[in-house]
Amino acid sequence: MNKIPLQEAWPILIACGVLLLCQGTLLFLDARKRGGKAWFWGLWGLIQFPMPTITYALLLWWKKRKRK
């Protein structure tokens, strides 16, 4: 297994950090606007990508469909 030098890994790590921060923030704000467990969605969005966004979108779709 080849090791990636630290100089080459920084841009990838920064991009991942920005991606997770944006996802967590957007999930938190949207969940707070809709009144549903904003802290849970925000923290889960900071931990991994893209499962929280996919799950949130599916739950929103399911709730909307259930109301009809």
Protein backbone atom coordinates (compact mmCIF):
# COMPACT_ATOMS: atom_id res chain seq x y z
CA MET A 1 0.00 0.00 0.00
CA ASN A 2 1.40 3.37 -1.01
CA LYS A 3 1.43 6.18 1.51
CA ILE A 4 0.35 9.64 0.39
CA PRO A 5 2.74 12.39 1.46
CA LEU A 6 1.25 14.94 3.86
CA GLN A 7 1.77 17.76 1.36
CA GLU A 8 -0.53 16.02 -1.12
CA ALA A 9 -3.15 15.05 1.48
CA TRP A 10 -3.91 18.57 2.79
CA PRO A 11 -6.10 19.70 -0.13
CA ILE A 12 -8.16 16.52 0.12
CA LEU A 13 -8.57 16.86 3.89
CA ILE A 14 -9.58 20.50 3.62
CA ALA A 15 -12.11 19.72 0.88
CA CYS A 16 -13.61 16.93 2.99
CA GLY A 17 -13.83 19.22 6.00
CA VAL A 18 -15.56 21.96 4.03
CA LEU A 19 -17.96 19.44 2.51
CA LEU A 20 -18.91 18.00 5.91
CA LEU A 21 -19.27 21.44 7.47
CA CYS A 22 -21.55 22.66 4.67
CA GLN A 23 -23.66 19.51 4.78
CA GLY A 24 -24.07 19.66 8.56
CA THR A 25 -24.95 23.35 8.49
CA LEU A 26 -27.51 22.98 5.72
CA LEU A 27 -29.15 19.98 7.37
CA PHE A 28 -29.27 21.82 10.71
CA LEU A 29 -30.82 24.96 9.21
CA ASP A 30 -33.42 23.08 7.19
CA ALA A 31 -34.39 20.81 10.09
CA ARG A 32 -34.70 23.82 12.40
CA LYS A 33 -36.91 25.59 9.85
CA ARG A 34 -39.14 22.52 9.63
CA GLY A 35 -39.09 21.91 13.40
CA GLY A 36 -37.48 18.49 13.46
CA LYS A 37 -34.47 17.53 15.63
CA ALA A 38 -32.07 20.08 14.18
CA TRP A 39 -29.13 19.14 16.43
CA PHE A 40 -29.36 15.49 15.47
CA TRP A 41 -29.29 16.24 11.74
CA GLY A 42 -26.53 18.82 12.09
CA LEU A 43 -24.25 16.55 14.11
CA TRP A 44 -24.90 13.55 11.91
CA GLY A 45 -24.14 15.70 8.86
CA LEU A 46 -20.76 16.63 10.37
CA ILE A 47 -19.78 13.01 10.89
CA GLN A 48 -20.24 11.40 7.48
CA PHE A 49 -21.17 12.04 3.85
CA PRO A 50 -23.59 11.53 1.95
CA MET A 51 -25.85 9.21 3.99
CA PRO A 52 -27.38 11.92 6.25
CA THR A 53 -28.42 14.01 3.24
CA ILE A 54 -29.91 11.02 1.44
CA THR A 55 -31.79 9.89 4.56
CA TYR A 56 -33.08 13.41 5.26
CA ALA A 57 -34.30 13.82 1.70
CA LEU A 58 -36.05 10.44 1.75
CA LEU A 59 -37.73 11.19 5.08
CA LEU A 60 -38.95 14.55 3.80
CA TRP A 61 -40.32 12.88 0.67
CA TRP A 62 -41.97 10.15 2.75
CA LYS A 63 -43.61 12.67 5.13
CA LYS A 64 -44.87 14.75 2.20
CA ARG A 65 -46.29 11.66 0.51
CA LYS A 66 -47.86 10.43 3.75
CA ARG A 67 -49.75 13.74 4.21
CA LYS A 68 -51.49 13.45 0.84
